[in-house]
């Protein structure tokens, strides 16, 4: 099986698409885990110690983590990929 010749812009575009797909999958998994664990902690809180809502602290912390995952995995993703491409090109130029 032979590999077709592709251009650098095609390669970079495909890399961006793959990175976005991976980011979407990671965020979805993180979101599902956050919802399930949060629900479990809230139920545990209501059953074990209903007088103090301690689960709110854990749920809040997990939501902060989910927002950070979204921020760095989606909002800043293109910027990170562009920076990585620039660093790779600069390294390649120094190797000549």
N, C-alpha and C. Protein backbone atom coordinates (compact mmCIF):
# COMPACT_ATOMS: atom_id res chain seq x y z
N UNK A 1 0.85 -1.18 0.00
CA UNK A 1 0.00 0.00 0.00
C UNK A 1 0.89 1.24 0.00
N UNK A 2 0.65 2.13 -0.91
CA UNK A 2 1.47 3.33 -1.01
C UNK A 2 0.73 4.52 -0.41
N UNK A 3 1.51 5.43 0.11
CA UNK A 3 0.95 6.64 0.70
C UNK A 3 0.85 7.70 -0.39
N UNK A 4 -0.31 8.33 -0.55
CA UNK A 4 -0.44 9.37 -1.57
C UNK A 4 0.37 10.60 -1.16
N UNK A 5 0.82 11.33 -2.14
CA UNK A 5 1.55 12.58 -1.87
C UNK A 5 0.53 13.64 -1.47
N UNK A 6 0.80 14.26 -0.34
CA UNK A 6 -0.06 15.35 0.12
C UNK A 6 0.79 16.58 0.34
N UNK A 7 0.13 17.72 0.31
CA UNK A 7 0.84 18.97 0.54
C UNK A 7 0.86 19.29 2.03
N UNK A 8 1.75 20.17 2.41
CA UNK A 8 1.82 20.59 3.80
C UNK A 8 0.51 21.23 4.27
N UNK A 9 -0.12 22.12 3.50
CA UNK A 9 -1.41 22.67 3.94
C UNK A 9 -2.49 21.60 4.12
N UNK A 10 -2.49 20.57 3.25
CA UNK A 10 -3.45 19.48 3.41
C UNK A 10 -3.19 18.73 4.72
N UNK A 11 -1.92 18.48 5.00
CA UNK A 11 -1.53 17.79 6.23
C UNK A 11 -1.95 18.59 7.46
N UNK A 12 -1.67 19.89 7.45
CA UNK A 12 -2.02 20.74 8.58
C UNK A 12 -3.53 20.83 8.77
N UNK A 13 -4.28 20.90 7.66
CA UNK A 13 -5.74 20.95 7.76
C UNK A 13 -6.28 19.66 8.35
N UNK A 14 -5.76 18.53 7.90
CA UNK A 14 -6.20 17.24 8.43
C UNK A 14 -5.85 17.12 9.92
N UNK A 15 -4.68 17.62 10.28
CA UNK A 15 -4.26 17.58 11.69
C UNK A 15 -5.21 18.41 12.56
N UNK A 16 -5.62 19.57 12.05
CA UNK A 16 -6.57 20.41 12.80
C UNK A 16 -7.92 19.71 12.98
N UNK A 17 -8.39 19.09 11.91
CA UNK A 17 -9.68 18.38 11.99
C UNK A 17 -9.59 17.26 13.01
N UNK A 18 -8.50 16.49 12.97
CA UNK A 18 -8.33 15.40 13.92
C UNK A 18 -8.24 15.91 15.35
N UNK A 19 -7.54 17.01 15.56
CA UNK A 19 -7.42 17.59 16.90
C UNK A 19 -8.78 18.03 17.43
N UNK A 20 -9.59 18.62 16.56
CA UNK A 20 -10.93 19.05 16.99
C UNK A 20 -11.82 17.85 17.30
N UNK A 21 -11.71 16.78 16.51
CA UNK A 21 -12.49 15.58 16.79
C UNK A 21 -12.09 14.97 18.13
N UNK A 22 -10.78 14.90 18.40
CA UNK A 22 -10.30 14.37 19.67
C UNK A 22 -10.74 15.26 20.83
N UNK A 23 -10.73 16.57 20.63
CA UNK A 23 -11.16 17.51 21.68
C UNK A 23 -12.65 17.33 21.97
N UNK A 24 -13.45 17.14 20.93
CA UNK A 24 -14.88 16.93 21.13
C UNK A 24 -15.15 15.64 21.91
N UNK A 25 -14.44 14.58 21.55
CA UNK A 25 -14.60 13.30 22.26
C UNK A 25 -14.19 13.44 23.71
N UNK A 26 -13.03 14.05 23.95
CA UNK A 26 -12.54 14.23 25.32
C UNK A 26 -13.48 15.07 26.16
N UNK A 27 -14.03 16.12 25.58
CA UNK A 27 -14.95 16.98 26.33
C UNK A 27 -16.25 16.24 26.63
N UNK A 28 -16.74 15.46 25.68
CA UNK A 28 -17.97 14.70 25.91
C UNK A 28 -17.79 13.68 27.04
N UNK A 29 -16.66 12.98 27.02
CA UNK A 29 -16.39 12.00 28.09
C UNK A 29 -16.26 12.72 29.43
N UNK A 30 -15.54 13.81 29.46
CA UNK A 30 -15.37 14.58 30.69
C UNK A 30 -16.73 15.06 31.20
N UNK A 31 -17.58 15.54 30.30
CA UNK A 31 -18.90 16.00 30.69
C UNK A 31 -19.76 14.88 31.26
N UNK A 32 -19.74 13.72 30.63
CA UNK A 32 -20.52 12.58 31.13
C UNK A 32 -20.05 12.15 32.51
N UNK A 33 -18.73 12.04 32.66
CA UNK A 33 -18.18 11.65 33.97
C UNK A 33 -18.54 12.69 35.03
N UNK A 34 -18.44 13.95 34.68
CA UNK A 34 -18.78 15.02 35.63
C UNK A 34 -20.23 14.93 36.07
N UNK A 35 -21.14 14.72 35.13
CA UNK A 35 -22.57 14.62 35.46
C UNK A 35 -22.83 13.40 36.35
N UNK A 36 -22.26 12.24 35.99
CA UNK A 36 -22.51 11.03 36.77
C UNK A 36 -21.94 11.13 38.18
N UNK A 37 -20.71 11.59 38.30
CA UNK A 37 -20.10 11.72 39.63
C UNK A 37 -20.81 12.78 40.45
N UNK A 38 -21.18 13.88 39.83
CA UNK A 38 -21.90 14.93 40.55
C UNK A 38 -23.23 14.41 41.08
N UNK A 39 -23.96 13.69 40.24
CA UNK A 39 -25.25 13.14 40.68
C UNK A 39 -25.05 12.19 41.85
N UNK A 40 -24.03 11.34 41.76
CA UNK A 40 -23.75 10.41 42.86
C UNK A 40 -23.39 11.13 44.15
N UNK A 41 -22.58 12.18 44.05
CA UNK A 41 -22.20 12.92 45.24
C UNK A 41 -23.39 13.66 45.86
N UNK A 42 -24.25 14.18 45.02
CA UNK A 42 -25.44 14.89 45.54
C UNK A 42 -26.35 13.91 46.26
N UNK A 43 -26.56 12.74 45.67
CA UNK A 43 -27.39 11.71 46.33
C UNK A 43 -26.76 11.29 47.64
N UNK A 44 -25.45 11.05 47.63
CA UNK A 44 -24.75 10.67 48.85
C UNK A 44 -24.87 11.76 49.91
N UNK A 45 -24.75 13.01 49.51
CA UNK A 45 -24.87 14.13 50.42
C UNK A 45 -26.25 14.18 51.06
N UNK A 46 -27.27 14.00 50.25
CA UNK A 46 -28.65 14.05 50.76
C UNK A 46 -28.91 12.90 51.72
N UNK A 47 -28.34 11.73 51.44
CA UNK A 47 -28.58 10.55 52.29
C UNK A 47 -27.77 10.62 53.59
N UNK A 48 -26.49 10.95 53.48
CA UNK A 48 -25.59 10.86 54.62
C UNK A 48 -25.60 12.11 55.50
N UNK A 49 -25.55 13.28 54.90
CA UNK A 49 -25.43 14.50 55.69
C UNK A 49 -26.26 15.62 55.06
N UNK A 50 -27.59 15.51 55.14
CA UNK A 50 -28.43 16.51 54.48
C UNK A 50 -28.37 17.91 55.11
N UNK A 51 -27.81 18.00 56.30
CA UNK A 51 -27.78 19.30 56.97
C UNK A 51 -26.75 20.27 56.38
N UNK A 52 -25.77 19.76 55.64
CA UNK A 52 -24.76 20.63 55.04
C UNK A 52 -24.50 20.19 53.60
N UNK A 53 -24.64 21.10 52.64
CA UNK A 53 -24.48 20.73 51.23
C UNK A 53 -23.01 20.68 50.77
N UNK A 54 -22.24 19.77 51.35
CA UNK A 54 -20.81 19.67 51.02
C UNK A 54 -20.57 19.27 49.57
N UNK A 55 -21.53 18.58 48.97
CA UNK A 55 -21.32 18.14 47.59
C UNK A 55 -21.21 19.32 46.62
N UNK A 56 -21.74 20.47 47.01
CA UNK A 56 -21.65 21.65 46.15
C UNK A 56 -20.20 22.03 45.87
N UNK A 57 -19.32 21.83 46.83
CA UNK A 57 -17.90 22.17 46.65
C UNK A 57 -17.25 21.24 45.62
N UNK A 58 -17.54 19.96 45.73
CA UNK A 58 -16.98 18.98 44.79
C UNK A 58 -17.55 19.21 43.38
N UNK A 59 -18.85 19.43 43.30
CA UNK A 59 -19.48 19.66 42.00
C UNK A 59 -18.93 20.95 41.38
N UNK A 60 -18.79 21.98 42.18
CA UNK A 60 -18.22 23.24 41.69
C UNK A 60 -16.81 23.06 41.17
N UNK A 61 -15.99 22.30 41.89
CA UNK A 61 -14.63 22.04 41.44
C UNK A 61 -14.60 21.27 40.14
N UNK A 62 -15.48 20.29 40.01
CA UNK A 62 -15.52 19.51 38.76
C UNK A 62 -16.00 20.38 37.60
N UNK A 63 -16.91 21.28 37.87
CA UNK A 63 -17.39 22.18 36.81
C UNK A 63 -16.29 23.14 36.37
N UNK A 64 -15.47 23.58 37.31
CA UNK A 64 -14.33 24.42 36.95
C UNK A 64 -13.38 23.64 36.04
N UNK A 65 -13.14 22.38 36.37
CA UNK A 65 -12.31 21.53 35.53
C UNK A 65 -12.89 21.33 34.15
N UNK A 66 -14.21 21.16 34.07
CA UNK A 66 -14.88 20.99 32.78
C UNK A 66 -14.78 22.26 31.94
N UNK A 67 -14.95 23.41 32.57
CA UNK A 67 -14.81 24.68 31.85
C UNK A 67 -13.38 24.87 31.36
N UNK A 68 -12.39 24.51 32.18
CA UNK A 68 -10.99 24.61 31.76
C UNK A 68 -10.73 23.68 30.57
N UNK A 69 -11.29 22.49 30.61
CA UNK A 69 -11.15 21.54 29.50
C UNK A 69 -11.74 22.14 28.22
N UNK A 70 -12.91 22.73 28.32
CA UNK A 70 -13.54 23.37 27.17
C UNK A 70 -12.67 24.54 26.66
N UNK A 71 -12.18 25.37 27.59
CA UNK A 71 -11.40 26.55 27.20
C UNK A 71 -10.13 26.16 26.45
N UNK A 72 -9.36 25.25 27.04
CA UNK A 72 -8.08 24.90 26.42
C UNK A 72 -8.25 23.87 25.30
N UNK A 73 -9.32 23.11 25.31
CA UNK A 73 -9.52 22.09 24.29
C UNK A 73 -10.33 22.55 23.10
N UNK A 74 -10.98 23.70 23.21
CA UNK A 74 -11.79 24.20 22.10
C UNK A 74 -11.46 25.64 21.74
N UNK A 75 -11.57 26.52 22.70
CA UNK A 75 -11.36 27.94 22.43
C UNK A 75 -9.92 28.22 22.03
N UNK A 76 -8.97 27.62 22.72
CA UNK A 76 -7.55 27.88 22.48
C UNK A 76 -6.89 26.85 21.56
N UNK A 77 -7.64 25.87 21.06
CA UNK A 77 -7.04 24.77 20.30
C UNK A 77 -6.34 25.25 19.04
N UNK A 78 -7.01 26.07 18.23
CA UNK A 78 -6.37 26.53 16.99
C UNK A 78 -5.10 27.32 17.27
N UNK A 79 -5.14 28.13 18.32
CA UNK A 79 -3.96 28.91 18.70
C UNK A 79 -2.81 27.98 19.09
N UNK A 80 -3.11 26.93 19.84
CA UNK A 80 -2.08 25.98 20.26
C UNK A 80 -1.51 25.22 19.07
N UNK A 81 -2.37 24.82 18.14
CA UNK A 81 -1.90 24.10 16.95
C UNK A 81 -1.02 25.00 16.10
N UNK A 82 -1.44 26.25 15.90
CA UNK A 82 -0.64 27.20 15.12
C UNK A 82 0.73 27.40 15.76
N UNK A 83 0.76 27.56 17.07
CA UNK A 83 2.04 27.74 17.77
C UNK A 83 2.92 26.51 17.60
N UNK A 84 2.34 25.33 17.69
CA UNK A 84 3.11 24.09 17.52
C UNK A 84 3.67 24.00 16.09
N UNK A 85 2.88 24.36 15.09
CA UNK A 85 3.36 24.36 13.71
C UNK A 85 4.53 25.33 13.54
N UNK A 86 4.42 26.50 14.12
CA UNK A 86 5.49 27.49 14.01
C UNK A 86 6.77 26.99 14.68
N UNK A 87 6.63 26.36 15.84
CA UNK A 87 7.80 25.81 16.53
C UNK A 87 8.44 24.69 15.72
N UNK A 88 7.62 23.86 15.11
CA UNK A 88 8.14 22.75 14.30
C UNK A 88 8.86 23.29 13.07
N UNK A 89 8.28 24.30 12.41
CA UNK A 89 8.92 24.88 11.24
C UNK A 89 10.24 25.57 11.60
N UNK A 90 10.26 26.25 12.75
CA UNK A 90 11.51 26.91 13.19
C UNK A 90 12.58 25.86 13.50
N UNK A 91 12.20 24.75 14.12
CA UNK A 91 13.16 23.69 14.41
C UNK A 91 13.69 23.08 13.13
N UNK A 92 12.79 22.85 12.18
CA UNK A 92 13.20 22.27 10.89
C UNK A 92 14.17 23.22 10.17
N UNK A 93 13.90 24.52 10.23
CA UNK A 93 14.78 25.51 9.58
C UNK A 93 16.17 25.51 10.22
N UNK A 94 16.25 25.33 11.53
CA UNK A 94 17.54 25.30 12.22
C UNK A 94 18.32 24.03 11.90
N UNK A 95 17.64 22.97 11.52
CA UNK A 95 18.30 21.70 11.25
C UNK A 95 18.97 21.67 9.88
N UNK A 96 18.69 22.62 9.04
CA UNK A 96 19.28 22.64 7.68
C UNK A 96 20.75 22.93 7.74
